[in-house]
Amino acid sequence: MMKKSTSLWLSFFKQRILNPSADPQLRETLTNELLLEVLSSLVRLESQFQSTIVSSAPPNPTGFMAQRKIVSSAGTAVRLPSVEIPPDFAVVIKALNTNQGIIYIGNSKAAAENTFTSFPLMAGQGISYKVDNVNRIWVSSDISDDGVAWTVEIL
């Protein structure tokens, strides 16, 4: 039997299979054909779904890099270096365990230097950001020579 659209199959199913006066052998044949069509459609959908999941997953990284950034002058923000971050990956920033003060993280020099527009980190605390480049992040401190360690996976 030729493939039919879902609405045609449903209409056909109601008229020919659910009809109590239909020939029992015809009802069984049509039911089996309908089940085969439904199963084929489900297999196609599952295949499409699986390929979507696989194709949307980010590739495995080939390595990582890690560095430290020290704020040499209290209250003056420093920018992290330019390192591209692959889509769906994040940079992880951790305030050094030896810090004596508070680290402030911002998305600009002005934001990092303002305690109301920055994110504070105490010694040993960390945060991650999904940005396209590490240099989008600025770091300030209320004590000179405090700093952060940061790491990111790279392709």
N, C-alpha and C. Protein backbone atom coordinates (compact mmCIF):
# COMPACT_ATOMS: atom_id res chain seq x y z
N MET A 1 0.85 -1.18 0.00
CA MET A 1 0.00 0.00 0.00
C MET A 1 0.89 1.24 0.00
N MET A 2 0.49 2.30 -0.73
CA MET A 2 1.28 3.53 -0.81
C MET A 2 1.30 4.24 0.53
N LYS A 3 2.40 5.00 0.76
CA LYS A 3 2.49 5.80 1.98
C LYS A 3 1.46 6.90 1.93
N LYS A 4 0.86 7.18 3.07
CA LYS A 4 -0.15 8.23 3.14
C LYS A 4 0.23 9.19 4.25
N SER A 5 -0.24 10.41 4.16
CA SER A 5 0.03 11.37 5.23
C SER A 5 -0.68 10.93 6.51
N THR A 6 -0.28 11.47 7.61
CA THR A 6 -0.84 11.08 8.90
C THR A 6 -2.34 11.30 8.94
N SER A 7 -2.81 12.44 8.44
CA SER A 7 -4.26 12.71 8.49
C SER A 7 -5.04 11.74 7.61
N LEU A 8 -4.46 11.38 6.46
CA LEU A 8 -5.14 10.40 5.61
C LEU A 8 -5.18 9.04 6.28
N TRP A 9 -4.09 8.67 6.94
CA TRP A 9 -4.06 7.39 7.65
C TRP A 9 -5.11 7.37 8.75
N LEU A 10 -5.22 8.46 9.49
CA LEU A 10 -6.19 8.50 10.58
C LEU A 10 -7.62 8.38 10.05
N SER A 11 -7.89 9.10 8.99
CA SER A 11 -9.21 9.03 8.37
C SER A 11 -9.49 7.60 7.87
N PHE A 12 -8.51 7.03 7.20
CA PHE A 12 -8.63 5.68 6.67
C PHE A 12 -8.83 4.69 7.82
N PHE A 13 -8.06 4.88 8.90
CA PHE A 13 -8.14 4.01 10.06
C PHE A 13 -9.55 4.04 10.65
N LYS A 14 -10.09 5.23 10.80
CA LYS A 14 -11.42 5.35 11.39
C LYS A 14 -12.49 4.69 10.52
N GLN A 15 -12.39 4.89 9.19
CA GLN A 15 -13.41 4.36 8.27
C GLN A 15 -13.31 2.84 8.10
N ARG A 16 -12.10 2.32 7.96
CA ARG A 16 -11.93 0.92 7.58
C ARG A 16 -11.62 -0.04 8.73
N ILE A 17 -10.97 0.45 9.73
CA ILE A 17 -10.51 -0.47 10.77
C ILE A 17 -11.41 -0.42 12.00
N LEU A 18 -11.84 0.76 12.38
CA LEU A 18 -12.69 0.87 13.56
C LEU A 18 -14.15 0.52 13.25
N ASN A 19 -14.46 0.42 11.99
CA ASN A 19 -15.82 0.09 11.57
C ASN A 19 -16.13 -1.36 11.96
N PRO A 20 -17.13 -1.58 12.85
CA PRO A 20 -17.43 -2.95 13.30
C PRO A 20 -17.87 -3.88 12.18
N SER A 21 -18.39 -3.34 11.09
CA SER A 21 -18.86 -4.22 10.01
C SER A 21 -17.76 -4.54 9.00
N ALA A 22 -16.54 -4.06 9.23
CA ALA A 22 -15.44 -4.33 8.29
C ALA A 22 -15.03 -5.80 8.37
N ASP A 23 -14.57 -6.30 7.24
CA ASP A 23 -14.09 -7.69 7.13
C ASP A 23 -12.93 -7.89 8.12
N PRO A 24 -12.99 -8.89 9.02
CA PRO A 24 -11.94 -9.08 10.02
C PRO A 24 -10.54 -9.27 9.41
N GLN A 25 -10.46 -10.00 8.29
CA GLN A 25 -9.14 -10.20 7.66
C GLN A 25 -8.61 -8.88 7.10
N LEU A 26 -9.49 -8.08 6.49
CA LEU A 26 -9.10 -6.77 5.97
C LEU A 26 -8.67 -5.86 7.13
N ARG A 27 -9.43 -5.89 8.23
CA ARG A 27 -9.08 -5.09 9.40
C ARG A 27 -7.69 -5.46 9.91
N GLU A 28 -7.35 -6.74 9.97
CA GLU A 28 -6.04 -7.18 10.45
C GLU A 28 -4.94 -6.74 9.50
N THR A 29 -5.16 -6.90 8.20
CA THR A 29 -4.15 -6.50 7.19
C THR A 29 -3.90 -5.00 7.27
N LEU A 30 -4.98 -4.22 7.30
CA LEU A 30 -4.83 -2.77 7.35
C LEU A 30 -4.19 -2.31 8.67
N THR A 31 -4.55 -2.96 9.75
CA THR A 31 -3.95 -2.62 11.04
C THR A 31 -2.44 -2.87 11.01
N ASN A 32 -2.03 -4.00 10.45
CA ASN A 32 -0.60 -4.31 10.35
C ASN A 32 0.13 -3.29 9.48
N GLU A 33 -0.48 -2.92 8.34
CA GLU A 33 0.16 -1.92 7.47
C GLU A 33 0.27 -0.57 8.18
N LEU A 34 -0.76 -0.20 8.92
CA LEU A 34 -0.74 1.05 9.65
C LEU A 34 0.36 1.02 10.73
N LEU A 35 0.46 -0.09 11.43
CA LEU A 35 1.49 -0.22 12.45
C LEU A 35 2.89 -0.13 11.84
N LEU A 36 3.08 -0.75 10.68
CA LEU A 36 4.38 -0.67 10.00
C LEU A 36 4.71 0.77 9.63
N GLU A 37 3.71 1.50 9.14
CA GLU A 37 3.93 2.90 8.77
C GLU A 37 4.28 3.74 10.00
N VAL A 38 3.56 3.52 11.09
CA VAL A 38 3.82 4.26 12.33
C VAL A 38 5.22 3.93 12.86
N LEU A 39 5.58 2.66 12.86
CA LEU A 39 6.91 2.27 13.32
C LEU A 39 8.01 2.85 12.44
N SER A 40 7.80 2.86 11.13
CA SER A 40 8.78 3.45 10.22
C SER A 40 8.95 4.94 10.51
N SER A 41 7.85 5.61 10.76
CA SER A 41 7.92 7.04 11.07
C SER A 41 8.65 7.27 12.38
N LEU A 42 8.41 6.44 13.37
CA LEU A 42 9.10 6.58 14.64
C LEU A 42 10.60 6.34 14.49
N VAL A 43 10.99 5.37 13.69
CA VAL A 43 12.41 5.10 13.45
C VAL A 43 13.06 6.30 12.77
N ARG A 44 12.38 6.89 11.78
CA ARG A 44 12.92 8.09 11.11
C ARG A 44 13.08 9.25 12.10
N LEU A 45 12.07 9.46 12.93
CA LEU A 45 12.14 10.54 13.92
C LEU A 45 13.27 10.30 14.93
N GLU A 46 13.42 9.07 15.37
CA GLU A 46 14.49 8.76 16.32
C GLU A 46 15.85 9.02 15.69
N SER A 47 16.00 8.64 14.44
CA SER A 47 17.27 8.87 13.74
C SER A 47 17.56 10.36 13.62
N GLN A 48 16.55 11.15 13.27
CA GLN A 48 16.73 12.60 13.17
C GLN A 48 17.07 13.20 14.53
N PHE A 49 16.39 12.73 15.57
CA PHE A 49 16.63 13.23 16.92
C PHE A 49 18.04 12.91 17.37
N GLN A 50 18.50 11.68 17.14
CA GLN A 50 19.85 11.28 17.54
C GLN A 50 20.90 12.11 16.81
N SER A 51 20.71 12.35 15.51
CA SER A 51 21.71 13.13 14.77
C SER A 51 21.73 14.58 15.25
N THR A 52 20.59 15.10 15.68
CA THR A 52 20.54 16.46 16.22
C THR A 52 21.32 16.53 17.53
N ILE A 53 21.15 15.54 18.38
CA ILE A 53 21.86 15.53 19.66
C ILE A 53 23.37 15.45 19.42
N VAL A 54 23.79 14.56 18.56
CA VAL A 54 25.22 14.37 18.31
C VAL A 54 25.83 15.61 17.66
N SER A 55 25.13 16.20 16.69
CA SER A 55 25.70 17.34 15.97
C SER A 55 25.73 18.60 16.82
N SER A 56 24.88 18.69 17.85
CA SER A 56 24.86 19.92 18.64
C SER A 56 25.82 19.86 19.84
N ALA A 57 26.42 18.72 20.08
CA ALA A 57 27.36 18.62 21.20
C ALA A 57 28.67 19.30 20.83
N PRO A 58 29.26 20.04 21.78
CA PRO A 58 30.54 20.69 21.47
C PRO A 58 31.64 19.64 21.33
N PRO A 59 32.64 19.93 20.51
CA PRO A 59 33.74 18.97 20.36
C PRO A 59 34.56 18.90 21.65
N ASN A 60 35.25 17.78 21.81
CA ASN A 60 36.12 17.65 22.98
C ASN A 60 37.30 18.60 22.84
N PRO A 61 37.71 19.21 23.94
CA PRO A 61 38.85 20.11 23.88
C PRO A 61 40.14 19.33 23.63
N THR A 62 41.12 19.99 23.03
CA THR A 62 42.41 19.36 22.78
C THR A 62 43.41 19.72 23.87
N GLY A 63 43.03 20.64 24.72
CA GLY A 63 43.93 21.04 25.79
C GLY A 63 43.30 22.12 26.64
N PHE A 64 44.11 22.69 27.51
CA PHE A 64 43.64 23.79 28.34
C PHE A 64 44.83 24.70 28.64
N MET A 65 44.52 25.86 29.10
CA MET A 65 45.57 26.74 29.57
C MET A 65 45.16 27.33 30.90
N ALA A 66 46.14 27.66 31.70
CA ALA A 66 45.88 28.24 33.02
C ALA A 66 46.96 29.29 33.29
N GLN A 67 46.54 30.39 33.86
CA GLN A 67 47.48 31.47 34.20
C GLN A 67 47.02 32.15 35.47
N ARG A 68 47.88 33.03 35.97
CA ARG A 68 47.55 33.89 37.11
C ARG A 68 47.59 35.33 36.64
N LYS A 69 46.78 36.14 37.26
CA LYS A 69 46.81 37.58 37.01
C LYS A 69 46.83 38.27 38.36
N ILE A 70 47.86 39.09 38.56
CA ILE A 70 48.04 39.81 39.82
C ILE A 70 47.63 41.27 39.63
N VAL A 71 46.88 41.79 40.59
CA VAL A 71 46.51 43.21 40.59
C VAL A 71 47.62 43.93 41.36
N SER A 72 48.47 44.64 40.63
CA SER A 72 49.64 45.25 41.27
C SER A 72 49.29 46.49 42.08
N SER A 73 48.19 47.17 41.72
CA SER A 73 47.82 48.39 42.43
C SER A 73 46.36 48.30 42.87
N ALA A 74 46.14 48.31 44.16
CA ALA A 74 44.78 48.19 44.71
C ALA A 74 43.84 49.21 44.08
N GLY A 75 42.66 48.74 43.70
CA GLY A 75 41.65 49.62 43.13
C GLY A 75 41.79 49.88 41.64
N THR A 76 42.87 49.41 41.02
CA THR A 76 43.08 49.59 39.58
C THR A 76 42.89 48.25 38.88
N ALA A 77 41.86 48.16 38.07
CA ALA A 77 41.52 46.90 37.41
C ALA A 77 42.52 46.56 36.31
N VAL A 78 42.75 45.26 36.15
CA VAL A 78 43.59 44.74 35.07
C VAL A 78 42.75 43.79 34.24
N ARG A 79 43.04 43.76 32.94
CA ARG A 79 42.29 42.93 32.01
C ARG A 79 42.99 41.59 31.86
N LEU A 80 42.20 40.52 31.80
CA LEU A 80 42.77 39.21 31.53
C LEU A 80 43.19 39.16 30.06
N PRO A 81 44.13 38.28 29.69
CA PRO A 81 44.67 38.27 28.32
C PRO A 81 43.66 37.76 27.28
N SER A 82 43.98 38.02 26.03
CA SER A 82 43.11 37.61 24.93
C SER A 82 43.33 36.13 24.62
N VAL A 83 42.31 35.33 24.93
CA VAL A 83 42.30 33.90 24.61
C VAL A 83 40.88 33.57 24.18
N GLU A 84 40.71 33.11 22.93
CA GLU A 84 39.38 32.77 22.46
C GLU A 84 38.86 31.54 23.19
N ILE A 85 37.57 31.58 23.53
CA ILE A 85 36.92 30.47 24.21
C ILE A 85 35.93 29.85 23.23
N PRO A 86 36.02 28.53 23.00
CA PRO A 86 35.09 27.87 22.08
C PRO A 86 33.64 27.99 22.57
N PRO A 87 32.68 27.94 21.65
CA PRO A 87 31.27 27.97 22.04
C PRO A 87 30.96 26.87 23.06
N ASP A 88 30.10 27.18 24.00
CA ASP A 88 29.66 26.27 25.06
C ASP A 88 30.75 25.90 26.07
N PHE A 89 31.86 26.62 26.07
CA PHE A 89 32.91 26.42 27.06
C PHE A 89 32.94 27.67 27.95
N ALA A 90 33.61 27.55 29.09
CA ALA A 90 33.65 28.67 30.03
C ALA A 90 35.06 28.85 30.59
N VAL A 91 35.36 30.06 31.00
CA VAL A 91 36.59 30.33 31.73
C VAL A 91 36.26 30.25 33.21
N VAL A 92 37.14 29.62 33.97
CA VAL A 92 36.97 29.50 35.42
C VAL A 92 37.99 30.40 36.09
N ILE A 93 37.52 31.23 37.00
CA ILE A 93 38.38 32.19 37.69
C ILE A 93 38.30 31.89 39.19
N LYS A 94 39.47 31.84 39.83
CA LYS A 94 39.51 31.57 41.27
C LYS A 94 40.43 32.59 41.94
N ALA A 95 39.94 33.18 43.02
CA ALA A 95 40.77 34.09 43.81
C ALA A 95 41.86 33.26 44.48
N LEU A 96 43.10 33.74 44.41
CA LEU A 96 44.21 33.00 44.99
C LEU A 96 44.01 32.78 46.48
N ASN A 97 44.43 31.62 46.96
CA ASN A 97 44.29 31.29 48.37
C ASN A 97 45.09 32.22 49.27
N THR A 98 46.13 32.83 48.73
CA THR A 98 47.00 33.71 49.53
C THR A 98 46.50 35.15 49.59
N ASN A 99 45.40 35.47 48.91
CA ASN A 99 44.88 36.84 48.91
C ASN A 99 44.55 37.30 50.33
N GLN A 100 44.82 38.57 50.57
CA GLN A 100 44.50 39.19 51.86
C GLN A 100 43.20 39.99 51.81
N GLY A 101 42.78 40.37 50.61
CA GLY A 101 41.59 41.22 50.46
C GLY A 101 40.55 40.55 49.58
N ILE A 102 39.71 41.40 49.00
CA ILE A 102 38.61 40.94 48.13
C ILE A 102 38.98 41.23 46.68
N ILE A 103 38.72 40.27 45.82
CA ILE A 103 38.88 40.42 44.37
C ILE A 103 37.52 40.84 43.81
N TYR A 104 37.54 41.73 42.83
CA TYR A 104 36.30 42.18 42.18
C TYR A 104 36.39 41.87 40.69
N ILE A 105 35.38 41.17 40.18
CA ILE A 105 35.33 40.76 38.77
C ILE A 105 34.29 41.63 38.06
N GLY A 106 34.68 42.18 36.91
CA GLY A 106 33.75 42.99 36.13
C GLY A 106 33.91 42.75 34.64
N ASN A 107 32.94 43.24 33.87
CA ASN A 107 33.00 43.09 32.41
C ASN A 107 33.59 44.33 31.74
N SER A 108 34.09 45.25 32.54
CA SER A 108 34.81 46.43 32.04
C SER A 108 35.72 46.92 33.16
N LYS A 109 36.64 47.79 32.81
CA LYS A 109 37.54 48.36 33.82
C LYS A 109 36.73 49.09 34.89
N ALA A 110 35.78 49.92 34.43
CA ALA A 110 34.96 50.69 35.37
C ALA A 110 34.12 49.76 36.26
N ALA A 111 33.56 48.71 35.69
CA ALA A 111 32.73 47.79 36.48
C ALA A 111 33.55 47.06 37.53
N ALA A 112 34.77 46.63 37.18
CA ALA A 112 35.61 45.91 38.14
C ALA A 112 36.10 46.82 39.26
N GLU A 113 36.22 48.10 38.99
CA GLU A 113 36.70 49.04 40.00
C GLU A 113 35.58 49.57 40.90
N ASN A 114 34.35 49.19 40.62
CA ASN A 114 33.20 49.65 41.39
C ASN A 114 32.63 48.46 42.17
N THR A 115 32.63 48.52 43.48
CA THR A 115 32.16 47.40 44.29
C THR A 115 30.67 47.11 44.12
N PHE A 116 29.91 48.06 43.56
CA PHE A 116 28.49 47.86 43.34
C PHE A 116 28.17 47.22 41.99
N THR A 117 29.13 47.23 41.05
CA THR A 117 28.87 46.67 39.72
C THR A 117 29.79 45.49 39.40
N SER A 118 30.51 45.01 40.41
CA SER A 118 31.43 43.89 40.21
C SER A 118 31.00 42.71 41.08
N PHE A 119 31.61 41.56 40.77
CA PHE A 119 31.32 40.36 41.55
C PHE A 119 32.49 40.11 42.50
N PRO A 120 32.24 40.07 43.81
CA PRO A 120 33.34 39.89 44.77
C PRO A 120 33.71 38.42 44.97
N LEU A 121 35.00 38.17 45.14
CA LEU A 121 35.50 36.84 45.46
C LEU A 121 36.46 36.95 46.64
N MET A 122 36.24 36.14 47.64
CA MET A 122 37.18 36.04 48.77
C MET A 122 38.24 35.00 48.39
N ALA A 123 39.32 34.95 49.12
CA ALA A 123 40.39 33.99 48.86
C ALA A 123 39.83 32.58 48.73
N GLY A 124 40.20 31.89 47.64
CA GLY A 124 39.77 30.52 47.41
C GLY A 124 38.43 30.36 46.71
N GLN A 125 37.67 31.45 46.59
CA GLN A 125 36.37 31.34 45.90
C GLN A 125 36.57 31.46 44.40
N GLY A 126 35.61 30.90 43.64
CA GLY A 126 35.72 30.95 42.19
C GLY A 126 34.38 31.15 41.52
N ILE A 127 34.45 31.40 40.22
CA ILE A 127 33.26 31.59 39.39
C ILE A 127 33.64 31.25 37.96
N SER A 128 32.65 30.89 37.15
CA SER A 128 32.91 30.63 35.73
C SER A 128 32.00 31.51 34.89
N TYR A 129 32.51 31.89 33.71
CA TYR A 129 31.74 32.72 32.78
C TYR A 129 31.85 32.12 31.39
N LYS A 130 30.71 32.06 30.70
CA LYS A 130 30.69 31.65 29.29
C LYS A 130 30.76 32.92 28.45
N VAL A 131 31.96 33.29 28.09
CA VAL A 131 32.20 34.45 27.23
C VAL A 131 33.02 33.97 26.03
N ASP A 132 33.10 34.77 24.99
CA ASP A 132 33.82 34.34 23.78
C ASP A 132 35.32 34.56 23.88
N ASN A 133 35.77 35.38 24.83
CA ASN A 133 37.19 35.65 24.98
C ASN A 133 37.48 35.98 26.45
N VAL A 134 38.60 35.47 26.94
CA VAL A 134 38.98 35.72 28.33
C VAL A 134 39.14 37.22 28.59
N ASN A 135 39.54 37.98 27.55
CA ASN A 135 39.79 39.41 27.75
C ASN A 135 38.52 40.24 27.99
N ARG A 136 37.38 39.60 28.03
CA ARG A 136 36.14 40.30 28.40
C ARG A 136 36.06 40.50 29.91
N ILE A 137 37.01 39.93 30.65
CA ILE A 137 36.95 39.94 32.11
C ILE A 137 38.05 40.84 32.68
N TRP A 138 37.66 41.68 33.60
CA TRP A 138 38.57 42.59 34.30
C TRP A 138 38.59 42.21 35.77
N VAL A 139 39.73 42.39 36.40
CA VAL A 139 39.92 42.01 37.80
C VAL A 139 40.50 43.19 38.57
N SER A 140 39.92 43.45 39.74
CA SER A 140 40.43 44.48 40.63
C SER A 140 40.52 43.87 42.03
N SER A 141 41.20 44.58 42.92
CA SER A 141 41.36 44.10 44.29
C SER A 141 41.44 45.29 45.22
N ASP A 142 41.06 45.07 46.47
CA ASP A 142 41.20 46.16 47.44
C ASP A 142 42.56 46.11 48.15
N ILE A 143 43.39 45.13 47.82
CA ILE A 143 44.74 45.00 48.37
C ILE A 143 45.72 44.78 47.21
N SER A 144 46.78 45.55 47.16
CA SER A 144 47.80 45.36 46.10
C SER A 144 48.40 43.97 46.18
N ASP A 145 48.72 43.44 45.02
CA ASP A 145 49.39 42.14 44.85
C ASP A 145 48.51 40.93 45.16
N ASP A 146 47.21 41.13 45.32
CA ASP A 146 46.28 40.00 45.32
C ASP A 146 45.99 39.65 43.87
N GLY A 147 45.42 38.48 43.63
CA GLY A 147 45.16 38.11 42.24
C GLY A 147 44.25 36.91 42.08
N VAL A 148 44.19 36.45 40.84
CA VAL A 148 43.34 35.31 40.49
C VAL A 148 44.15 34.31 39.67
N ALA A 149 43.68 33.09 39.69
CA ALA A 149 44.14 32.06 38.75
C ALA A 149 42.94 31.80 37.84
N TRP A 150 43.19 31.58 36.57
CA TRP A 150 42.11 31.29 35.65
C TRP A 150 42.53 30.14 34.74
N THR A 151 41.52 29.42 34.25
CA THR A 151 41.78 28.31 33.34
C THR A 151 40.63 28.21 32.34
N VAL A 152 40.96 27.71 31.15
CA VAL A 152 39.98 27.53 30.10
C VAL A 152 40.40 26.38 29.21
N GLU A 153 39.44 25.60 28.75
CA GLU A 153 39.72 24.54 27.78
C GLU A 153 39.81 25.17 26.39
N ILE A 154 40.67 24.62 25.55
CA ILE A 154 40.84 25.15 24.20
C ILE A 154 40.74 24.00 23.20
N LEU A 155 40.34 24.35 21.98
CA LEU A 155 40.24 23.34 20.92
C LEU A 155 41.55 23.22 20.18
